[in-house]
Amino acid sequence: MAYRIDRLNSIIREQLSLILQREFEFPRDVMVTVLEVRTSGDTMFASARISVLPNKKEKFILEKLNRSIGMIQKMLNKRLIMKFVPRISFVIDKTTEKIDHFEGMLKSIEKER
């Protein structure tokens, strides 16, 4: 069962990336990346973690994606040949912010030495 979910996550991530790349108009200075998709065990729901650069545009992009979730879901339904395609939700990935925070802490510790 785990292999099936992992494979489904991979396929959904690939297809979402293509949909966002080809079907959406983002501002020129914004880069959106689908980092990971996590599908629930019953395959009814999937959460897509996205990265947005620059960070200050995260809220704007997330709102834009959530307003268009119906259209995105419809495109995904057409691309995936499944009886039930998981319902997609988008979440902003905060990993880069955490890494920046830890790097800043390490640099301040090095300066103190």
PDB file of N, CA and C in Angstrom:
ATOM      1  N   MET A   1       0.829  -1.204   0.000  1.00  0.00           N
ATOM      2  CA  MET A   1       0.000   0.000   0.000  1.00  0.00           C
ATOM      3  C   MET A   1       0.870   1.264   0.000  1.00  0.00           C
ATOM      4  N   ALA A   2       1.974   1.250   0.748  1.00  0.00           N
ATOM      5  CA  ALA A   2       2.830   2.429   0.823  1.00  0.00           C
ATOM      6  C   ALA A   2       3.427   2.764  -0.543  1.00  0.00           C
ATOM      7  N   TYR A   3       3.788   1.731  -1.302  1.00  0.00           N
ATOM      8  CA  TYR A   3       4.342   1.967  -2.637  1.00  0.00           C
ATOM      9  C   TYR A   3       3.316   2.666  -3.519  1.00  0.00           C
ATOM     10  N   ARG A   4       2.078   2.247  -3.421  1.00  0.00           N
ATOM     11  CA  ARG A   4       1.010   2.838  -4.230  1.00  0.00           C
ATOM     12  C   ARG A   4       0.838   4.324  -3.890  1.00  0.00           C
ATOM     13  N   ILE A   5       0.833   4.657  -2.615  1.00  0.00           N
ATOM     14  CA  ILE A   5       0.689   6.055  -2.186  1.00  0.00           C
ATOM     15  C   ILE A   5       1.901   6.867  -2.643  1.00  0.00           C
ATOM     16  N   ASP A   6       3.105   6.313  -2.494  1.00  0.00           N
ATOM     17  CA  ASP A   6       4.311   7.023  -2.929  1.00  0.00           C
ATOM     18  C   ASP A   6       4.278   7.300  -4.426  1.00  0.00           C
ATOM     19  N   ARG A   7       3.859   6.324  -5.184  1.00  0.00           N
ATOM     20  CA  ARG A   7       3.770   6.482  -6.639  1.00  0.00           C
ATOM     21  C   ARG A   7       2.720   7.532  -7.004  1.00  0.00           C
ATOM     22  N   LEU A   8       1.583   7.492  -6.325  1.00  0.00           N
ATOM     23  CA  LEU A   8       0.523   8.477  -6.554  1.00  0.00           C
ATOM     24  C   LEU A   8       1.018   9.877  -6.217  1.00  0.00           C
ATOM     25  N   ASN A   9       1.735  10.016  -5.100  1.00  0.00           N
ATOM     26  CA  ASN A   9       2.300  11.321  -4.722  1.00  0.00           C
ATOM     27  C   ASN A   9       3.218  11.861  -5.812  1.00  0.00           C
ATOM     28  N   SER A  10       4.052  10.990  -6.337  1.00  0.00           N
ATOM     29  CA  SER A  10       4.987  11.390  -7.379  1.00  0.00           C
ATOM     30  C   SER A  10       4.254  11.836  -8.648  1.00  0.00           C
ATOM     31  N   ILE A  11       3.263  11.083  -9.054  1.00  0.00           N
ATOM     32  CA  ILE A  11       2.511  11.413 -10.272  1.00  0.00           C
ATOM     33  C   ILE A  11       1.749  12.723 -10.101  1.00  0.00           C
ATOM     34  N   ILE A  12       1.111  12.911  -8.954  1.00  0.00           N
ATOM     35  CA  ILE A  12       0.370  14.153  -8.713  1.00  0.00           C
ATOM     36  C   ILE A  12       1.314  15.341  -8.699  1.00  0.00           C
ATOM     37  N   ARG A  13       2.485  15.200  -8.065  1.00  0.00           N
ATOM     38  CA  ARG A  13       3.465  16.287  -8.019  1.00  0.00           C
ATOM     39  C   ARG A  13       3.907  16.671  -9.433  1.00  0.00           C
ATOM     40  N   GLU A  14       4.206  15.683 -10.249  1.00  0.00           N
ATOM     41  CA  GLU A  14       4.616  15.953 -11.629  1.00  0.00           C
ATOM     42  C   GLU A  14       3.524  16.679 -12.404  1.00  0.00           C
ATOM     43  N   GLN A  15       2.292  16.203 -12.298  1.00  0.00           N
ATOM     44  CA  GLN A  15       1.194  16.797 -13.049  1.00  0.00           C
ATOM     45  C   GLN A  15       0.857  18.204 -12.549  1.00  0.00           C
ATOM     46  N   LEU A  16       0.887  18.398 -11.238  1.00  0.00           N
ATOM     47  CA  LEU A  16       0.642  19.746 -10.699  1.00  0.00           C
ATOM     48  C   LEU A  16       1.722  20.716 -11.169  1.00  0.00           C
ATOM     49  N   SER A  17       2.957  20.259 -11.185  1.00  0.00           N
ATOM     50  CA  SER A  17       4.051  21.111 -11.660  1.00  0.00           C
ATOM     51  C   SER A  17       3.816  21.535 -13.105  1.00  0.00           C
ATOM     52  N   LEU A  18       3.417  20.592 -13.932  1.00  0.00           N
ATOM     53  CA  LEU A  18       3.140  20.913 -15.338  1.00  0.00           C
ATOM     54  C   LEU A  18       1.963  21.869 -15.477  1.00  0.00           C
ATOM     55  N   ILE A  19       0.921  21.647 -14.699  1.00  0.00           N
ATOM     56  CA  ILE A  19      -0.258  22.528 -14.754  1.00  0.00           C
ATOM     57  C   ILE A  19       0.132  23.940 -14.355  1.00  0.00           C
ATOM     58  N   LEU A  20       0.870  24.095 -13.264  1.00  0.00           N
ATOM     59  CA  LEU A  20       1.259  25.435 -12.801  1.00  0.00           C
ATOM     60  C   LEU A  20       2.213  26.103 -13.784  1.00  0.00           C
ATOM     61  N   GLN A  21       3.069  25.309 -14.405  1.00  0.00           N
ATOM     62  CA  GLN A  21       4.037  25.861 -15.343  1.00  0.00           C
ATOM     63  C   GLN A  21       3.380  26.302 -16.649  1.00  0.00           C
ATOM     64  N   ARG A  22       2.456  25.505 -17.158  1.00  0.00           N
ATOM     65  CA  ARG A  22       1.900  25.760 -18.489  1.00  0.00           C
ATOM     66  C   ARG A  22       0.590  26.530 -18.501  1.00  0.00           C
ATOM     67  N   GLU A  23      -0.186  26.406 -17.455  1.00  0.00           N
ATOM     68  CA  GLU A  23      -1.540  26.965 -17.470  1.00  0.00           C
ATOM     69  C   GLU A  23      -1.705  28.236 -16.645  1.00  0.00           C
ATOM     70  N   PHE A  24      -0.690  28.596 -15.857  1.00  0.00           N
ATOM     71  CA  PHE A  24      -0.826  29.750 -14.974  1.00  0.00           C
ATOM     72  C   PHE A  24       0.109  30.864 -15.370  1.00  0.00           C
ATOM     73  N   GLU A  25      -0.374  32.068 -15.188  1.00  0.00           N
ATOM     74  CA  GLU A  25       0.424  33.265 -15.414  1.00  0.00           C
ATOM     75  C   GLU A  25       0.804  33.829 -14.048  1.00  0.00           C
ATOM     76  N   PHE A  26       2.052  33.633 -13.676  1.00  0.00           N
ATOM     77  CA  PHE A  26       2.555  34.228 -12.446  1.00  0.00           C
ATOM     78  C   PHE A  26       3.346  35.475 -12.823  1.00  0.00           C
ATOM     79  N   PRO A  27       3.477  36.422 -11.898  1.00  0.00           N
ATOM     80  CA  PRO A  27       4.313  37.593 -12.196  1.00  0.00           C
ATOM     81  C   PRO A  27       5.724  37.154 -12.591  1.00  0.00           C
ATOM     82  N   ARG A  28       6.383  37.960 -13.407  1.00  0.00           N
ATOM     83  CA  ARG A  28       7.713  37.609 -13.925  1.00  0.00           C
ATOM     84  C   ARG A  28       8.744  37.388 -12.826  1.00  0.00           C
ATOM     85  N   ASP A  29       8.617  38.087 -11.724  1.00  0.00           N
ATOM     86  CA  ASP A  29       9.626  37.988 -10.664  1.00  0.00           C
ATOM     87  C   ASP A  29       9.301  36.902  -9.632  1.00  0.00           C
ATOM     88  N   VAL A  30       8.354  36.013  -9.929  1.00  0.00           N
ATOM     89  CA  VAL A  30       7.931  34.985  -8.981  1.00  0.00           C
ATOM     90  C   VAL A  30       8.227  33.597  -9.542  1.00  0.00           C
ATOM     91  N   MET A  31       8.763  32.742  -8.689  1.00  0.00           N
ATOM     92  CA  MET A  31       8.998  31.355  -9.057  1.00  0.00           C
ATOM     93  C   MET A  31       8.237  30.457  -8.083  1.00  0.00           C
ATOM     94  N   VAL A  32       7.396  29.572  -8.620  1.00  0.00           N
ATOM     95  CA  VAL A  32       6.598  28.654  -7.806  1.00  0.00           C
ATOM     96  C   VAL A  32       7.039  27.231  -8.136  1.00  0.00           C
ATOM     97  N   THR A  33       7.322  26.461  -7.082  1.00  0.00           N
ATOM     98  CA  THR A  33       7.782  25.089  -7.249  1.00  0.00           C
ATOM     99  C   THR A  33       6.945  24.162  -6.380  1.00  0.00           C
ATOM    100  N   VAL A  34       6.493  23.048  -6.933  1.00  0.00           N
ATOM    101  CA  VAL A  34       5.802  22.027  -6.149  1.00  0.00           C
ATOM    102  C   VAL A  34       6.881  21.103  -5.592  1.00  0.00           C
ATOM    103  N   LEU A  35       7.079  21.142  -4.278  1.00  0.00           N
ATOM    104  CA  LEU A  35       8.141  20.377  -3.650  1.00  0.00           C
ATOM    105  C   LEU A  35       7.737  18.947  -3.327  1.00  0.00           C
ATOM    106  N   GLU A  36       6.529  18.789  -2.834  1.00  0.00           N
ATOM    107  CA  GLU A  36       6.110  17.477  -2.351  1.00  0.00           C
ATOM    108  C   GLU A  36       4.591  17.412  -2.332  1.00  0.00           C
ATOM    109  N   VAL A  37       4.081  16.222  -2.535  1.00  0.00           N
ATOM    110  CA  VAL A  37       2.646  15.971  -2.393  1.00  0.00           C
ATOM    111  C   VAL A  37       2.495  14.829  -1.401  1.00  0.00           C
ATOM    112  N   ARG A  38       1.593  15.009  -0.458  1.00  0.00           N
ATOM    113  CA  ARG A  38       1.295  13.964   0.521  1.00  0.00           C
ATOM    114  C   ARG A  38      -0.181  13.610   0.421  1.00  0.00           C
ATOM    115  N   THR A  39      -0.429  12.374   0.047  1.00  0.00           N
ATOM    116  CA  THR A  39      -1.793  11.888  -0.115  1.00  0.00           C
ATOM    117  C   THR A  39      -2.201  11.126   1.134  1.00  0.00           C
ATOM    118  N   SER A  40      -3.443  11.310   1.551  1.00  0.00           N
ATOM    119  CA  SER A  40      -3.949  10.598   2.718  1.00  0.00           C
ATOM    120  C   SER A  40      -4.034   9.098   2.424  1.00  0.00           C
ATOM    121  N   GLY A  41      -4.072   8.289   3.455  1.00  0.00           N
ATOM    122  CA  GLY A  41      -4.110   6.840   3.305  1.00  0.00           C
ATOM    123  C   GLY A  41      -5.290   6.334   2.514  1.00  0.00           C
ATOM    124  N   ASP A  42      -6.414   7.031   2.612  1.00  0.00           N
ATOM    125  CA  ASP A  42      -7.603   6.614   1.857  1.00  0.00           C
ATOM    126  C   ASP A  42      -7.641   7.233   0.452  1.00  0.00           C
ATOM    127  N   THR A  43      -6.620   7.955   0.083  1.00  0.00           N
ATOM    128  CA  THR A  43      -6.448   8.628  -1.214  1.00  0.00           C
ATOM    129  C   THR A  43      -7.565   9.619  -1.552  1.00  0.00           C
ATOM    130  N   MET A  44      -8.217  10.144  -0.547  1.00  0.00           N
ATOM    131  CA  MET A  44      -9.281  11.122  -0.797  1.00  0.00           C
ATOM    132  C   MET A  44      -8.741  12.554  -0.853  1.00  0.00           C
ATOM    133  N   PHE A  45      -7.646  12.822  -0.146  1.00  0.00           N
ATOM    134  CA  PHE A  45      -7.103  14.174  -0.057  1.00  0.00           C
ATOM    135  C   PHE A  45      -5.601  14.153  -0.311  1.00  0.00           C
ATOM    136  N   ALA A  46      -5.098  15.243  -0.875  1.00  0.00           N
ATOM    137  CA  ALA A  46      -3.664  15.388  -1.095  1.00  0.00           C
ATOM    138  C   ALA A  46      -3.269  16.828  -0.792  1.00  0.00           C
ATOM    139  N   SER A  47      -2.180  16.969  -0.086  1.00  0.00           N
ATOM    140  CA  SER A  47      -1.656  18.278   0.258  1.00  0.00           C
ATOM    141  C   SER A  47      -0.379  18.510  -0.540  1.00  0.00           C
ATOM    142  N   ALA A  48      -0.333  19.606  -1.285  1.00  0.00           N
ATOM    143  CA  ALA A  48       0.834  19.936  -2.103  1.00  0.00           C
ATOM    144  C   ALA A  48       1.607  21.060  -1.424  1.00  0.00           C
ATOM    145  N   ARG A  49       2.873  20.761  -1.058  1.00  0.00           N
ATOM    146  CA  ARG A  49       3.741  21.784  -0.469  1.00  0.00           C
ATOM    147  C   ARG A  49       4.432  22.524  -1.601  1.00  0.00           C
ATOM    148  N   ILE A  50       4.279  23.847  -1.593  1.00  0.00           N
ATOM    149  CA  ILE A  50       4.880  24.665  -2.642  1.00  0.00           C
ATOM    150  C   ILE A  50       5.879  25.644  -2.036  1.00  0.00           C
ATOM    151  N   SER A  51       6.839  26.004  -2.850  1.00  0.00           N
ATOM    152  CA  SER A  51       7.815  27.016  -2.484  1.00  0.00           C
ATOM    153  C   SER A  51       7.604  28.204  -3.410  1.00  0.00           C
ATOM    154  N   VAL A  52       7.609  29.399  -2.830  1.00  0.00           N
ATOM    155  CA  VAL A  52       7.421  30.622  -3.610  1.00  0.00           C
ATOM    156  C   VAL A  52       8.608  31.547  -3.348  1.00  0.00           C
ATOM    157  N   LEU A  53       9.241  31.973  -4.427  1.00  0.00           N
ATOM    158  CA  LEU A  53      10.334  32.937  -4.315  1.00  0.00           C
ATOM    159  C   LEU A  53       9.964  34.161  -5.122  1.00  0.00           C
ATOM    160  N   PRO A  54      10.063  35.340  -4.601  1.00  0.00           N
ATOM    161  CA  PRO A  54      10.503  35.717  -3.265  1.00  0.00           C
ATOM    162  C   PRO A  54       9.427  35.431  -2.208  1.00  0.00           C
ATOM    163  N   ASN A  55       9.884  35.271  -0.982  1.00  0.00           N
ATOM    164  CA  ASN A  55       8.988  34.899   0.117  1.00  0.00           C
ATOM    165  C   ASN A  55       7.862  35.892   0.345  1.00  0.00           C
ATOM    166  N   LYS A  56       8.085  37.158   0.036  1.00  0.00           N
ATOM    167  CA  LYS A  56       7.055  38.160   0.299  1.00  0.00           C
ATOM    168  C   LYS A  56       5.818  37.984  -0.586  1.00  0.00           C
ATOM    169  N   LYS A  57       5.923  37.171  -1.639  1.00  0.00           N
ATOM    170  CA  LYS A  57       4.792  36.932  -2.540  1.00  0.00           C
ATOM    171  C   LYS A  57       4.016  35.660  -2.192  1.00  0.00           C
ATOM    172  N   GLU A  58       4.406  34.973  -1.110  1.00  0.00           N
ATOM    173  CA  GLU A  58       3.769  33.703  -0.750  1.00  0.00           C
ATOM    174  C   GLU A  58       2.263  33.822  -0.578  1.00  0.00           C
ATOM    175  N   LYS A  59       1.837  34.792   0.205  1.00  0.00           N
ATOM    176  CA  LYS A  59       0.416  34.950   0.502  1.00  0.00           C
ATOM    177  C   LYS A  59      -0.383  35.224  -0.775  1.00  0.00           C
ATOM    178  N   PHE A  60       0.128  36.090  -1.627  1.00  0.00           N
ATOM    179  CA  PHE A  60      -0.535  36.426  -2.891  1.00  0.00           C
ATOM    180  C   PHE A  60      -0.690  35.188  -3.773  1.00  0.00           C
ATOM    181  N   ILE A  61       0.375  34.409  -3.911  1.00  0.00           N
ATOM    182  CA  ILE A  61       0.345  33.215  -4.766  1.00  0.00           C
ATOM    183  C   ILE A  61      -0.584  32.163  -4.182  1.00  0.00           C
ATOM    184  N   LEU A  62      -0.537  31.958  -2.874  1.00  0.00           N
ATOM    185  CA  LEU A  62      -1.413  30.971  -2.242  1.00  0.00           C
ATOM    186  C   LEU A  62      -2.877  31.346  -2.435  1.00  0.00           C
ATOM    187  N   GLU A  63      -3.207  32.626  -2.298  1.00  0.00           N
ATOM    188  CA  GLU A  63      -4.582  33.081  -2.536  1.00  0.00           C
ATOM    189  C   GLU A  63      -4.988  32.850  -3.989  1.00  0.00           C
ATOM    190  N   LYS A  64      -4.082  33.126  -4.916  1.00  0.00           N
ATOM    191  CA  LYS A  64      -4.368  32.926  -6.339  1.00  0.00           C
ATOM    192  C   LYS A  64      -4.628  31.451  -6.625  1.00  0.00           C
ATOM    193  N   LEU A  65      -3.813  30.576  -6.065  1.00  0.00           N
ATOM    194  CA  LEU A  65      -4.002  29.135  -6.279  1.00  0.00           C
ATOM    195  C   LEU A  65      -5.305  28.651  -5.649  1.00  0.00           C
ATOM    196  N   ASN A  66      -5.604  29.132  -4.453  1.00  0.00           N
ATOM    197  CA  ASN A  66      -6.843  28.709  -3.790  1.00  0.00           C
ATOM    198  C   ASN A  66      -8.085  29.211  -4.525  1.00  0.00           C
ATOM    199  N   ARG A  67      -8.015  30.389  -5.140  1.00  0.00           N
ATOM    200  CA  ARG A  67      -9.138  30.875  -5.949  1.00  0.00           C
ATOM    201  C   ARG A  67      -9.339  30.019  -7.196  1.00  0.00           C
ATOM    202  N   SER A  68      -8.254  29.431  -7.673  1.00  0.00           N
ATOM    203  CA  SER A  68      -8.299  28.634  -8.909  1.00  0.00           C
ATOM    204  C   SER A  68      -8.304  27.135  -8.650  1.00  0.00           C
ATOM    205  N   ILE A  69      -8.544  26.725  -7.420  1.00  0.00           N
ATOM    206  CA  ILE A  69      -8.434  25.306  -7.067  1.00  0.00           C
ATOM    207  C   ILE A  69      -9.401  24.443  -7.874  1.00  0.00           C
ATOM    208  N   GLY A  70     -10.576  24.949  -8.181  1.00  0.00           N
ATOM    209  CA  GLY A  70     -11.539  24.190  -8.975  1.00  0.00           C
ATOM    210  C   GLY A  70     -11.010  23.893 -10.366  1.00  0.00           C
ATOM    211  N   MET A  71     -10.422  24.897 -10.993  1.00  0.00           N
ATOM    212  CA  MET A  71      -9.862  24.725 -12.328  1.00  0.00           C
ATOM    213  C   MET A  71      -8.663  23.773 -12.292  1.00  0.00           C
ATOM    214  N   ILE A  72      -7.814  23.917 -11.288  1.00  0.00           N
ATOM    215  CA  ILE A  72      -6.649  23.043 -11.150  1.00  0.00           C
ATOM    216  C   ILE A  72      -7.100  21.605 -10.943  1.00  0.00           C
ATOM    217  N   GLN A  73      -8.096  21.415 -10.075  1.00  0.00           N
ATOM    218  CA  GLN A  73      -8.607  20.076  -9.807  1.00  0.00           C
ATOM    219  C   GLN A  73      -9.187  19.452 -11.075  1.00  0.00           C
ATOM    220  N   LYS A  74      -9.898  20.250 -11.847  1.00  0.00           N
ATOM    221  CA  LYS A  74     -10.498  19.759 -13.087  1.00  0.00           C
ATOM    222  C   LYS A  74      -9.413  19.310 -14.074  1.00  0.00           C
ATOM    223  N   MET A  75      -8.355  20.099 -14.215  1.00  0.00           N
ATOM    224  CA  MET A  75      -7.247  19.739 -15.097  1.00  0.00           C
ATOM    225  C   MET A  75      -6.557  18.463 -14.623  1.00  0.00           C
ATOM    226  N   LEU A  76      -6.378  18.357 -13.316  1.00  0.00           N
ATOM    227  CA  LEU A  76      -5.744  17.175 -12.746  1.00  0.00           C
ATOM    228  C   LEU A  76      -6.611  15.939 -12.965  1.00  0.00           C
ATOM    229  N   ASN A  77      -7.928  16.104 -12.805  1.00  0.00           N
ATOM    230  CA  ASN A  77      -8.854  14.991 -13.034  1.00  0.00           C
ATOM    231  C   ASN A  77      -8.757  14.470 -14.462  1.00  0.00           C
ATOM    232  N   LYS A  78      -8.572  15.378 -15.424  1.00  0.00           N
ATOM    233  CA  LYS A  78      -8.459  14.960 -16.822  1.00  0.00           C
ATOM    234  C   LYS A  78      -7.147  14.232 -17.096  1.00  0.00           C
ATOM    235  N   ARG A  79      -6.088  14.636 -16.404  1.00  0.00           N
ATOM    236  CA  ARG A  79      -4.767  14.062 -16.656  1.00  0.00           C
ATOM    237  C   ARG A  79      -4.563  12.711 -15.982  1.00  0.00           C
ATOM    238  N   LEU A  80      -5.207  12.501 -14.842  1.00  0.00           N
ATOM    239  CA  LEU A  80      -5.028  11.249 -14.104  1.00  0.00           C
ATOM    240  C   LEU A  80      -6.178  10.299 -14.414  1.00  0.00           C
ATOM    241  N   ILE A  81      -5.823   9.109 -14.786  1.00  0.00           N
ATOM    242  CA  ILE A  81      -6.851   8.115 -15.104  1.00  0.00           C
ATOM    243  C   ILE A  81      -7.078   7.286 -13.847  1.00  0.00           C
ATOM    244  N   MET A  82      -7.981   7.775 -13.024  1.00  0.00           N
ATOM    245  CA  MET A  82      -8.298   7.135 -11.751  1.00  0.00           C
ATOM    246  C   MET A  82      -9.797   7.266 -11.522  1.00  0.00           C
ATOM    247  N   LYS A  83     -10.327   6.364 -10.732  1.00  0.00           N
ATOM    248  CA  LYS A  83     -11.744   6.460 -10.398  1.00  0.00           C
ATOM    249  C   LYS A  83     -11.995   7.688  -9.538  1.00  0.00           C
ATOM    250  N   PHE A  84     -11.171   7.856  -8.497  1.00  0.00           N
ATOM    251  CA  PHE A  84     -11.285   9.016  -7.619  1.00  0.00           C
ATOM    252  C   PHE A  84      -9.920   9.701  -7.524  1.00  0.00           C
ATOM    253  N   VAL A  85      -9.853  10.937  -7.979  1.00  0.00           N
ATOM    254  CA  VAL A  85      -8.624  11.722  -7.864  1.00  0.00           C
ATOM    255  C   VAL A  85      -8.682  12.462  -6.533  1.00  0.00           C
ATOM    256  N   PRO A  86      -7.594  12.423  -5.754  1.00  0.00           N
ATOM    257  CA  PRO A  86      -7.607  13.121  -4.458  1.00  0.00           C
ATOM    258  C   PRO A  86      -7.883  14.612  -4.617  1.00  0.00           C
ATOM    259  N   ARG A  87      -8.568  15.182  -3.633  1.00  0.00           N
ATOM    260  CA  ARG A  87      -8.838  16.622  -3.618  1.00  0.00           C
ATOM    261  C   ARG A  87      -7.573  17.326  -3.144  1.00  0.00           C
ATOM    262  N   ILE A  88      -7.146  18.286  -3.934  1.00  0.00           N
ATOM    263  CA  ILE A  88      -5.868  18.959  -3.714  1.00  0.00           C
ATOM    264  C   ILE A  88      -6.039  20.192  -2.831  1.00  0.00           C
ATOM    265  N   SER A  89      -5.058  20.393  -1.955  1.00  0.00           N
ATOM    266  CA  SER A  89      -4.938  21.646  -1.209  1.00  0.00           C
ATOM    267  C   SER A  89      -3.473  22.066  -1.258  1.00  0.00           C
ATOM    268  N   PHE A  90      -3.236  23.367  -1.216  1.00  0.00           N
ATOM    269  CA  PHE A  90      -1.872  23.896  -1.289  1.00  0.00           C
ATOM    270  C   PHE A  90      -1.441  24.417   0.071  1.00  0.00           C
ATOM    271  N   VAL A  91      -0.167  24.176   0.391  1.00  0.00           N
ATOM    272  CA  VAL A  91       0.430  24.633   1.645  1.00  0.00           C
ATOM    273  C   VAL A  91       1.794  25.233   1.304  1.00  0.00           C
ATOM    274  N   ILE A  92       2.109  26.357   1.909  1.00  0.00           N
ATOM    275  CA  ILE A  92       3.416  26.985   1.697  1.00  0.00           C
ATOM    276  C   ILE A  92       4.460  26.241   2.520  1.00  0.00           C
ATOM    277  N   ASP A  93       5.575  25.908   1.895  1.00  0.00           N
ATOM    278  CA  ASP A  93       6.685  25.240   2.572  1.00  0.00           C
ATOM    279  C   ASP A  93       7.527  26.287   3.291  1.00  0.00           C
ATOM    280  N   LYS A  94       7.770  26.077   4.564  1.00  0.00           N
ATOM    281  CA  LYS A  94       8.537  27.030   5.369  1.00  0.00           C
ATOM    282  C   LYS A  94       9.968  26.567   5.625  1.00  0.00           C
ATOM    283  N   THR A  95      10.405  25.532   4.944  1.00  0.00           N
ATOM    284  CA  THR A  95      11.733  24.969   5.181  1.00  0.00           C
ATOM    285  C   THR A  95      12.833  25.981   4.921  1.00  0.00           C
ATOM    286  N   THR A  96      12.746  26.725   3.830  1.00  0.00           N
ATOM    287  CA  THR A  96      13.809  27.679   3.509  1.00  0.00           C
ATOM    288  C   THR A  96      13.925  28.767   4.568  1.00  0.00           C
ATOM    289  N   GLU A  97      12.789  29.201   5.111  1.00  0.00           N
ATOM    290  CA  GLU A  97      12.831  30.201   6.178  1.00  0.00           C
ATOM    291  C   GLU A  97      13.506  29.636   7.419  1.00  0.00           C
ATOM    292  N   LYS A  98      13.217  28.380   7.735  1.00  0.00           N
ATOM    293  CA  LYS A  98      13.850  27.746   8.895  1.00  0.00           C
ATOM    294  C   LYS A  98      15.349  27.604   8.689  1.00  0.00           C
ATOM    295  N   ILE A  99      15.751  27.228   7.490  1.00  0.00           N
ATOM    296  CA  ILE A  99      17.177  27.089   7.189  1.00  0.00           C
ATOM    297  C   ILE A  99      17.874  28.436   7.321  1.00  0.00           C
ATOM    298  N   ASP A 100      17.266  29.484   6.772  1.00  0.00           N
ATOM    299  CA  ASP A 100      17.841  30.826   6.884  1.00  0.00           C
ATOM    300  C   ASP A 100      17.979  31.239   8.345  1.00  0.00           C
ATOM    301  N   HIS A 101      16.979  30.921   9.156  1.00  0.00           N
ATOM    302  CA  HIS A 101      17.007  31.258  10.571  1.00  0.00           C
ATOM    303  C   HIS A 101      18.159  30.539  11.269  1.00  0.00           C
ATOM    304  N   PHE A 102      18.297  29.232  11.010  1.00  0.00           N
ATOM    305  CA  PHE A 102      19.371  28.465  11.639  1.00  0.00           C
ATOM    306  C   PHE A 102      20.747  28.919  11.168  1.00  0.00           C
ATOM    307  N   GLU A 103      20.878  29.248   9.898  1.00  0.00           N
ATOM    308  CA  GLU A 103      22.151  29.759   9.394  1.00  0.00           C
ATOM    309  C   GLU A 103      22.514  31.075  10.072  1.00  0.00           C
ATOM    310  N   GLY A 104      21.515  31.918  10.264  1.00  0.00           N
ATOM    311  CA  GLY A 104      21.757  33.174  10.970  1.00  0.00           C
ATOM    312  C   GLY A 104      22.204  32.940  12.401  1.00  0.00           C
ATOM    313  N   MET A 105      21.581  31.961  13.046  1.00  0.00           N
ATOM    314  CA  MET A 105      21.980  31.634  14.421  1.00  0.00           C
ATOM    315  C   MET A 105      23.415  31.106  14.454  1.00  0.00           C
ATOM    316  N   LEU A 106      23.757  30.240  13.505  1.00  0.00           N
ATOM    317  CA  LEU A 106      25.125  29.697  13.463  1.00  0.00           C
ATOM    318  C   LEU A 106      26.154  30.782  13.201  1.00  0.00           C
ATOM    319  N   LYS A 107      25.849  31.721  12.321  1.00  0.00           N
ATOM    320  CA  LYS A 107      26.762  32.812  12.038  1.00  0.00           C
ATOM    321  C   LYS A 107      26.961  33.702  13.262  1.00  0.00           C
ATOM    322  N   SER A 108      25.888  33.942  14.008  1.00  0.00           N
ATOM    323  CA  SER A 108      26.016  34.772  15.210  1.00  0.00           C
ATOM    324  C   SER A 108      26.837  34.052  16.280  1.00  0.00           C
ATOM    325  N   ILE A 109      26.713  32.743  16.364  1.00  0.00           N
ATOM    326  CA  ILE A 109      27.518  31.977  17.319  1.00  0.00           C
ATOM    327  C   ILE A 109      28.983  32.020  16.923  1.00  0.00           C
ATOM    328  N   GLU A 110      29.263  31.894  15.623  1.00  0.00           N
ATOM    329  CA  GLU A 110      30.650  31.950  15.149  1.00  0.00           C
ATOM    330  C   GLU A 110      31.267  33.321  15.418  1.00  0.00           C
ATOM    331  N   LYS A 111      30.500  34.382  15.271  1.00  0.00           N
ATOM    332  CA  LYS A 111      31.006  35.734  15.523  1.00  0.00           C
ATOM    333  C   LYS A 111      31.346  35.926  16.992  1.00  0.00           C
ATOM    334  N   GLU A 112      30.565  35.292  17.874  1.00  0.00           N
ATOM    335  CA  GLU A 112      30.814  35.418  19.315  1.00  0.00           C
ATOM    336  C   GLU A 112      32.103  34.733  19.718  1.00  0.00           C
ATOM    337  N   ARG A 113      32.498  33.709  18.975  1.00  0.00           N
ATOM    338  CA  ARG A 113      33.732  32.977  19.311  1.00  0.00           C
ATOM    339  C   ARG A 113      34.888  33.764  18.879  1.00  0.00           C
TER     340      ARG A 113
END
